[in-house]
Amino acid sequence: MKKFLSFCVVLLLCGQTVLAAEPNVAAQGAALIDGETGRLLWGKNAESPMEMASTTKIMTAILVLEKADPKEVVTISANAAKQPDVQMGLKEGEQWYAGDLLRAMMLKSYNDAAVALAEHVSGSVEAFCMEMTAKAASIGATDTVFGSPNGLDSHLTREQHHSTPLDMGIITAYALQNPVFREIAVLPSHTFADVSGKNVHTAVNTDRFLQMYAGALGVKTGYTNKAGHCFVGAAKQEDMTLVSVVLASGWGNTGKEAKWTDTKKLMDYGFATYEKQEIAGAGENMGEITVTRSPVKEVTAGLGEGYSGIFSEDEVSRLQWQTELPETLEAPIEQGEQIGTAILELDGEIIAELPLTAQTAAPAYTLSEQYCRLLSVWFDWIEFLPEM
């Protein structure tokens, strides 16, 4: 039988922090995400399905990075060559290197490059989109469906191509774990040639966020008539990485500017309100467990690893640990052996699950120790026998 122990995490924080006002954004959907864990820090319609335009290409990039070598040769199909603007101007039969097309797609949002890469990786756009959707689900973006590798959606219903602000944040937090993705996102430009060496192209990064925000990591803009102006951004300051998502910030020039102001509001709020906090250290005592069949009567269950995360001061005061531990343990028990699980919760939401390990060993009785114990029990029994 397991016992469940709850106790509050107490942190002594010096000084007082003035809480930043929650952001007021024009976007119909928005999310601020912990860039390491994908946890939602703030949202507006964060779990509502919406069109996401060319921010779709973040997932396209993930699959290309994971399934193709950058030196692989991509042969351009008629389907790829006929994609509408924004386009690189690829021609049917041309051959380009996958790594160059990937960089061009991310920096300049080329729709033809996205389709060429999708067909190269999976054989068809349809097969690639199925892989995109499956990949999204596997990393926790469970309300995302891709019907296009480039985000063009005029021929698709929302059911066929959509995501949520939260899901796009989760996808981007995952992408940022890849050092090549991070390197591509901050490139100012990329000049490259096709396989023949005759066609040379330069793609210039159109992400204004890189110049307007301290610690910006880029990521991806987007626009379609359905989606409006969208942007998924990331920034790192000191030891904290945040991901912002704004979908449908508006249309026309107003919406084009709003996506940048919306993003800045989200980032300003995040860096003012949250900070990296060490919640518990490795080995922290989470309870004692009785041990049977051992000269050691109990062992301490301690955290097998420490935990730190992005939290506001208010959230830290509401964190609670729950432990799952057996009532007793039977020897032998090795030091460092996992004996339970610690669950960190915030208002009932599971934030992290960490192993609980035995902080000391508890060896089983040796044969001689067992024999002595039996003799002791026998003598105790003899003493209490009534006199004959």
Protein backbone atom coordinates (compact mmCIF):
# COMPACT_ATOMS: atom_id res chain seq x y z
CA MET A 1 0.00 0.00 0.00
CA LYS A 2 1.34 3.45 -0.88
CA LYS A 3 1.16 6.45 1.34
CA PHE A 4 0.75 9.94 0.03
CA LEU A 5 2.42 12.74 1.92
CA SER A 6 1.88 16.38 1.06
CA PHE A 7 3.90 19.26 2.29
CA CYS A 8 4.54 22.77 1.09
CA VAL A 9 7.76 23.93 -0.48
CA VAL A 10 9.00 26.85 1.55
CA LEU A 11 11.50 29.26 0.04
CA LEU A 12 12.83 32.31 1.78
CA LEU A 13 12.90 35.10 -0.78
CA CYS A 14 14.58 38.37 0.09
CA GLY A 15 13.10 41.71 -0.87
CA GLN A 16 9.85 42.50 -2.56
CA THR A 17 8.98 42.16 -6.23
CA VAL A 18 6.53 44.47 -7.95
CA LEU A 19 4.26 42.25 -10.03
CA ALA A 20 4.09 43.20 -13.69
CA ALA A 21 0.67 43.86 -15.16
CA GLU A 22 -0.66 41.04 -17.31
CA PRO A 23 -0.13 41.73 -21.02
CA ASN A 24 -2.95 43.20 -23.09
CA VAL A 25 -2.38 41.83 -26.59
CA ALA A 26 -4.23 42.30 -29.87
CA ALA A 27 -3.72 38.67 -30.88
CA GLN A 28 -6.79 36.46 -30.80
CA GLY A 29 -4.65 33.69 -29.35
CA ALA A 30 -1.43 34.00 -27.36
CA ALA A 31 0.79 32.00 -25.05
CA LEU A 32 3.92 32.49 -22.99
CA ILE A 33 5.84 29.26 -22.47
CA ASP A 34 8.74 28.06 -20.34
CA GLY A 35 11.29 27.35 -23.06
CA GLU A 36 12.80 24.41 -21.19
CA THR A 37 9.72 22.50 -20.06
CA GLY A 38 6.93 23.76 -22.34
CA ARG A 39 4.84 24.82 -19.32
CA LEU A 40 2.20 27.46 -20.01
CA LEU A 41 2.99 30.59 -17.99
CA TRP A 42 0.31 32.90 -19.41
CA GLY A 43 -2.25 32.57 -22.14
CA LYS A 44 -5.14 34.08 -24.05
CA ASN A 45 -7.27 31.43 -25.75
CA ALA A 46 -4.11 29.37 -25.40
CA GLU A 47 -5.85 26.06 -26.05
CA SER A 48 -8.17 27.21 -28.84
CA PRO A 49 -7.57 25.70 -32.31
CA MET A 50 -6.43 28.35 -34.79
CA GLU A 51 -4.67 28.67 -38.13
CA MET A 52 -0.92 29.24 -37.70
CA ALA A 53 0.30 30.21 -41.21
CA SER A 54 4.06 29.84 -41.81
CA THR A 55 4.85 29.16 -38.16
CA THR A 56 3.98 25.67 -39.46
CA LYS A 57 7.52 25.60 -40.86
CA ILE A 58 8.93 25.16 -37.34
CA MET A 59 7.65 21.57 -37.38
CA THR A 60 8.78 21.15 -40.99
CA ALA A 61 12.27 22.13 -39.85
CA ILE A 62 12.15 19.67 -36.93
CA LEU A 63 11.38 16.72 -39.20
CA VAL A 64 14.00 17.72 -41.77
CA LEU A 65 16.66 18.08 -39.08
CA GLU A 66 15.77 14.70 -37.58
CA LYS A 67 15.26 12.71 -40.79
CA ALA A 68 17.57 14.16 -43.45
CA ASP A 69 21.29 14.80 -43.77
CA PRO A 70 22.06 18.41 -44.74
CA LYS A 71 24.23 17.16 -47.63
CA GLU A 72 21.44 15.10 -49.16
CA VAL A 73 20.50 16.23 -52.67
CA VAL A 74 16.90 17.37 -53.14
CA THR A 75 15.49 17.21 -56.67
CA ILE A 76 12.77 19.79 -57.24
CA SER A 77 9.41 18.45 -58.41
CA ALA A 78 6.82 20.21 -60.56
CA ASN A 79 4.59 20.45 -57.49
CA ALA A 80 7.27 22.19 -55.44
CA ALA A 81 8.16 24.56 -58.28
CA LYS A 82 4.58 25.81 -58.68
CA GLN A 83 4.06 26.87 -55.04
CA PRO A 84 2.85 30.46 -54.65
CA ASP A 85 4.68 33.33 -52.96
CA VAL A 86 6.71 33.61 -50.91
CA GLN A 87 8.90 31.48 -53.17
CA MET A 88 12.56 30.99 -53.84
CA GLY A 89 11.92 30.49 -57.55
CA LEU A 90 12.89 26.83 -57.67
CA LYS A 91 12.60 25.14 -61.08
CA GLU A 92 11.54 21.58 -61.79
CA GLY A 93 14.56 19.29 -62.08
CA GLU A 94 16.96 21.56 -60.16
CA GLN A 95 19.00 19.97 -57.42
CA TRP A 96 19.82 21.66 -54.12
CA TYR A 97 21.25 20.52 -50.82
CA ALA A 98 18.74 19.83 -48.05
CA GLY A 99 20.59 21.94 -45.47
CA ASP A 100 20.57 24.98 -47.73
CA LEU A 101 16.87 24.67 -48.55
CA LEU A 102 16.11 24.31 -44.84
CA ARG A 103 17.95 27.53 -43.99
CA ALA A 104 16.29 29.39 -46.87
CA MET A 105 12.87 28.16 -45.75
CA MET A 106 13.37 29.34 -42.17
CA LEU A 107 14.99 32.69 -42.98
CA LYS A 108 12.76 33.79 -45.87
CA SER A 109 9.75 31.49 -45.45
CA TYR A 110 9.97 30.03 -48.95
CA ASN A 111 6.92 27.88 -49.69
CA ASP A 112 8.51 26.00 -52.58
CA ALA A 113 11.50 25.02 -50.42
CA ALA A 114 9.15 23.64 -47.75
CA VAL A 115 7.31 21.42 -50.25
CA ALA A 116 10.56 20.24 -51.85
CA LEU A 117 11.90 19.21 -48.43
CA ALA A 118 8.64 17.48 -47.48
CA GLU A 119 8.61 15.43 -50.68
CA HIS A 120 12.28 14.56 -50.25
CA VAL A 121 11.88 13.35 -46.66
CA SER A 122 8.61 11.44 -46.93
CA GLY A 123 7.95 10.91 -50.63
CA SER A 124 4.85 13.11 -50.71
CA VAL A 125 3.38 16.16 -49.00
CA GLU A 126 0.54 14.05 -47.61
CA ALA A 127 2.88 11.51 -45.99
CA PHE A 128 5.05 14.29 -44.58
CA CYS A 129 2.05 16.04 -43.03
CA MET A 130 0.99 12.81 -41.35
CA GLU A 131 4.48 12.55 -39.87
CA MET A 132 4.32 16.18 -38.74
CA THR A 133 1.03 15.56 -36.92
CA ALA A 134 2.34 12.38 -35.30
CA LYS A 135 5.52 14.11 -34.18
CA ALA A 136 3.56 16.97 -32.65
CA ALA A 137 1.42 14.55 -30.65
CA SER A 138 4.48 12.63 -29.46
CA ILE A 139 5.99 15.75 -27.86
CA GLY A 140 2.77 16.86 -26.18
CA ALA A 141 1.17 19.08 -28.86
CA THR A 142 -2.00 17.04 -28.92
CA ASP A 143 -4.41 19.50 -30.58
CA THR A 144 -2.37 20.09 -33.74
CA VAL A 145 -3.06 18.80 -37.24
CA PHE A 146 -0.89 19.60 -40.25
CA GLY A 147 -2.35 19.58 -43.74
CA SER A 148 0.49 21.59 -45.28
CA PRO A 149 4.28 21.75 -44.74
CA ASN A 150 4.44 25.47 -45.50
CA GLY A 151 1.34 26.78 -43.73
CA LEU A 152 -0.66 27.76 -46.84
CA ASP A 153 -4.24 27.04 -45.85
CA SER A 154 -6.63 28.45 -48.47
CA HIS A 155 -7.43 24.92 -49.67
CA LEU A 156 -7.74 23.47 -46.17
CA THR A 157 -10.38 23.59 -43.43
CA ARG A 158 -9.43 24.42 -39.87
CA GLU A 159 -9.95 20.75 -38.99
CA GLN A 160 -7.37 19.82 -41.63
CA HIS A 161 -4.73 22.35 -40.55
CA HIS A 162 -4.62 23.94 -37.12
CA SER A 163 -2.76 24.27 -33.87
CA THR A 164 -3.16 26.17 -30.61
CA PRO A 165 -0.94 28.85 -29.10
CA LEU A 166 0.04 26.40 -26.37
CA ASP A 167 0.88 23.64 -28.86
CA MET A 168 2.97 25.99 -30.99
CA GLY A 169 4.89 26.94 -27.86
CA ILE A 170 5.48 23.29 -26.98
CA ILE A 171 6.66 22.56 -30.53
CA THR A 172 9.05 25.52 -30.47
CA ALA A 173 10.42 24.67 -27.02
CA TYR A 174 11.20 21.21 -28.44
CA ALA A 175 12.81 22.67 -31.56
CA LEU A 176 15.06 24.91 -29.46
CA GLN A 177 16.63 21.82 -27.91
CA ASN A 178 18.27 21.20 -31.29
CA PRO A 179 21.47 23.28 -31.57
CA VAL A 180 21.25 23.39 -35.39
CA PHE A 181 17.73 24.81 -35.22
CA ARG A 182 18.94 27.48 -32.80
CA GLU A 183 21.86 28.33 -35.09
CA ILE A 184 19.56 28.66 -38.12
CA ALA A 185 17.01 30.84 -36.30
CA VAL A 186 19.55 33.60 -35.57
CA LEU A 187 21.34 33.61 -38.94
CA PRO A 188 21.20 37.10 -40.49
CA SER A 189 21.46 35.59 -43.99
CA HIS A 190 22.56 32.51 -45.89
CA THR A 191 24.23 32.43 -49.32
CA PHE A 192 24.43 29.10 -51.13
CA ALA A 193 24.55 27.43 -54.54
CA ASP A 194 22.75 24.51 -56.12
CA VAL A 195 24.52 21.20 -56.75
CA SER A 196 25.76 22.35 -60.16
CA GLY A 197 27.21 25.51 -58.64
CA LYS A 198 25.60 27.62 -61.37
CA ASN A 199 22.65 28.99 -59.39
CA VAL A 200 23.54 31.10 -56.36
CA HIS A 201 20.96 32.43 -53.92
CA THR A 202 20.98 34.58 -50.78
CA ALA A 203 18.20 34.35 -48.22
CA VAL A 204 17.98 37.24 -45.74
CA ASN A 205 16.36 36.75 -42.35
CA THR A 206 13.15 38.80 -42.11
CA ASP A 207 12.71 38.30 -38.34
CA ARG A 208 12.65 41.81 -36.83
CA PHE A 209 12.52 40.37 -33.33
CA LEU A 210 16.25 39.59 -33.52
CA GLN A 211 17.06 43.31 -33.65
CA MET A 212 14.35 44.61 -31.32
CA TYR A 213 14.68 42.47 -28.20
CA ALA A 214 17.60 41.69 -25.87
CA GLY A 215 18.47 38.00 -25.92
CA ALA A 216 16.20 37.25 -28.90
CA LEU A 217 16.61 33.78 -30.42
CA GLY A 218 14.39 34.47 -33.41
CA VAL A 219 12.08 31.91 -34.57
CA LYS A 220 9.31 32.28 -37.21
CA THR A 221 6.82 34.74 -38.68
CA GLY A 222 3.65 33.82 -40.56
CA TYR A 223 0.72 35.27 -42.47
CA THR A 224 -2.24 34.01 -44.47
CA ASN A 225 -5.64 35.57 -45.09
CA LYS A 226 -7.15 33.06 -42.67
CA ALA A 227 -4.49 33.18 -39.98
CA GLY A 228 -3.67 36.87 -39.97
CA HIS A 229 -0.24 37.97 -38.78
CA CYS A 230 1.45 35.42 -36.51
CA PHE A 231 4.78 35.10 -34.77
CA VAL A 232 6.43 32.52 -32.57
CA GLY A 233 9.45 33.97 -30.81
CA ALA A 234 12.03 32.98 -28.22
CA ALA A 235 14.42 34.90 -26.03
CA LYS A 236 17.00 34.01 -23.41
CA GLN A 237 18.09 36.31 -20.61
CA GLU A 238 20.56 35.01 -18.04
CA ASP A 239 19.48 31.42 -17.34
CA MET A 240 15.86 31.69 -18.47
CA THR A 241 14.44 30.96 -21.93
CA LEU A 242 10.90 32.02 -22.82
CA VAL A 243 8.80 31.22 -25.90
CA SER A 244 6.02 33.55 -27.00
CA VAL A 245 3.22 32.74 -29.45
CA VAL A 246 0.82 35.24 -31.02
CA LEU A 247 -1.73 34.04 -33.58
CA ALA A 248 -4.06 36.38 -35.48
CA SER A 249 -2.54 39.62 -34.18
CA GLY A 250 -4.48 41.32 -36.94
CA TRP A 251 -4.55 41.93 -40.68
CA GLY A 252 -2.96 44.57 -42.89
CA ASN A 253 -0.26 46.92 -41.64
CA THR A 254 -1.93 47.17 -38.24
CA GLY A 255 -1.69 43.43 -37.70
CA LYS A 256 1.83 43.33 -39.12
CA GLU A 257 3.03 45.75 -36.44
CA ALA A 258 0.83 44.27 -33.71
CA LYS A 259 2.56 40.90 -33.83
CA TRP A 260 5.80 42.61 -32.79
CA THR A 261 4.25 44.74 -30.05
CA ASP A 262 2.29 41.72 -28.80
CA THR A 263 5.47 39.67 -28.64
CA LYS A 264 7.36 42.37 -26.77
CA LYS A 265 4.53 42.67 -24.22
CA LEU A 266 4.59 38.92 -23.59
CA MET A 267 8.36 38.81 -23.20
CA ASP A 268 8.48 41.89 -20.97
CA TYR A 269 5.82 40.38 -18.73
CA GLY A 270 7.59 37.03 -18.60
CA PHE A 271 11.03 38.34 -17.69
CA ALA A 272 9.57 40.74 -15.11
CA THR A 273 7.33 38.15 -13.44
CA TYR A 274 9.20 34.85 -13.60
CA GLU A 275 12.65 33.71 -12.66
CA LYS A 276 14.61 30.48 -12.50
CA GLN A 277 14.12 29.06 -9.01
CA GLU A 278 15.83 26.12 -7.33
CA ILE A 279 12.93 24.31 -5.71
CA ALA A 280 14.78 21.38 -4.15
CA GLY A 281 18.26 19.91 -4.12
CA ALA A 282 19.38 16.35 -4.76
CA GLY A 283 19.14 14.23 -1.63
CA GLU A 284 16.50 16.40 0.05
CA ASN A 285 14.66 14.37 2.70
CA MET A 286 11.15 13.39 1.63
CA GLY A 287 10.38 10.87 4.36
CA GLU A 288 11.52 7.82 6.32
CA ILE A 289 10.56 4.23 5.49
CA THR A 290 10.64 1.25 7.87
CA VAL A 291 12.90 -1.59 6.72
CA THR A 292 12.26 -5.26 7.51
CA ARG A 293 14.77 -8.16 7.66
CA SER A 294 17.69 -5.81 8.26
CA PRO A 295 19.69 -4.48 11.23
CA VAL A 296 18.95 -1.02 9.72
CA LYS A 297 15.50 -0.11 10.96
CA GLU A 298 14.68 2.66 8.46
CA VAL A 299 16.04 4.50 5.44
CA THR A 300 15.58 8.06 4.28
CA ALA A 301 13.84 8.63 0.95
CA GLY A 302 15.63 11.54 -0.72
CA LEU A 303 15.29 13.21 -4.10
CA GLY A 304 17.37 11.37 -6.66
CA GLU A 305 17.99 14.68 -8.44
CA GLY A 306 17.38 18.34 -7.77
CA TYR A 307 14.72 20.40 -9.47
CA SER A 308 14.69 23.99 -10.66
CA GLY A 309 12.20 25.73 -12.92
CA ILE A 310 10.67 29.00 -14.02
CA PHE A 311 8.16 30.26 -11.46
CA SER A 312 6.74 33.51 -10.15
CA GLU A 313 7.02 34.27 -6.43
CA ASP A 314 3.31 33.68 -6.05
CA GLU A 315 3.57 30.27 -7.71
CA VAL A 316 6.45 29.21 -5.47
CA SER A 317 4.25 29.79 -2.41
CA ARG A 318 1.65 27.41 -3.88
CA LEU A 319 3.95 24.56 -4.86
CA GLN A 320 3.42 21.24 -3.09
CA TRP A 321 5.24 17.93 -3.10
CA GLN A 322 3.39 14.63 -3.02
CA THR A 323 5.30 11.43 -2.38
CA GLU A 324 4.47 7.89 -3.39
CA LEU A 325 6.26 5.53 -1.01
CA PRO A 326 5.61 2.00 0.27
CA GLU A 327 4.76 1.55 3.96
CA THR A 328 7.76 -0.77 4.45
CA LEU A 329 10.71 -2.07 2.46
CA GLU A 330 12.30 -5.49 2.67
CA ALA A 331 16.09 -5.68 2.76
CA PRO A 332 18.48 -5.71 1.04
CA ILE A 333 18.31 -2.10 -0.19
CA GLU A 334 21.20 -0.46 -2.01
CA GLN A 335 22.16 3.15 -1.46
CA GLY A 336 20.80 5.15 -4.43
CA GLU A 337 18.15 2.52 -5.27
CA GLN A 338 14.84 4.03 -6.38
CA ILE A 339 12.20 3.40 -3.72
CA GLY A 340 9.47 5.85 -4.69
CA THR A 341 8.42 8.92 -6.63
CA ALA A 342 8.11 12.58 -5.70
CA ILE A 343 5.50 14.63 -7.56
CA LEU A 344 5.69 18.43 -7.66
CA GLU A 345 2.29 20.06 -8.11
CA LEU A 346 1.04 23.59 -8.65
CA ASP A 347 -2.66 24.02 -7.92
CA GLY A 348 -3.21 20.32 -8.68
CA GLU A 349 -1.27 20.39 -11.95
CA ILE A 350 1.71 18.04 -12.11
CA ILE A 351 4.86 20.06 -12.79
CA ALA A 352 7.49 17.35 -12.39
CA GLU A 353 7.98 13.76 -11.25
CA LEU A 354 11.32 12.86 -9.68
CA PRO A 355 12.73 9.57 -8.38
CA LEU A 356 13.08 9.05 -4.64
CA THR A 357 16.17 7.04 -3.72
CA ALA A 358 17.47 5.36 -0.57
CA GLN A 359 20.02 7.69 0.98
CA THR A 360 21.74 4.83 2.85
CA ALA A 361 22.04 1.09 2.32
CA ALA A 362 20.06 -1.42 4.36
CA PRO A 363 21.70 -4.85 4.10
CA ALA A 364 19.75 -8.00 4.87
CA TYR A 365 20.54 -9.96 8.01
CA THR A 366 23.43 -12.41 7.57
CA LEU A 367 22.87 -16.09 8.43
CA SER A 368 24.64 -15.67 11.77
CA GLU A 369 22.55 -12.56 12.56
CA GLN A 370 19.37 -14.46 11.71
CA TYR A 371 20.47 -17.39 13.93
CA CYS A 372 21.17 -15.00 16.84
CA ARG A 373 17.80 -13.35 16.39
CA LEU A 374 16.06 -16.76 16.48
CA LEU A 375 17.94 -17.70 19.62
CA SER A 376 17.00 -14.39 21.24
CA VAL A 377 13.33 -14.93 20.41
CA TRP A 378 13.53 -18.51 21.72
CA PHE A 379 15.11 -17.44 25.03
CA ASP A 380 12.53 -14.69 25.43
CA TRP A 381 9.83 -17.30 24.92
CA ILE A 382 11.42 -19.67 27.48
CA GLU A 383 11.44 -16.91 30.13
CA PHE A 384 7.71 -16.48 29.88
CA LEU A 385 6.86 -20.21 30.09
CA PRO A 386 4.93 -21.00 33.28
CA GLU A 387 6.91 -22.98 35.86
CA MET A 388 6.04 -26.69 35.85
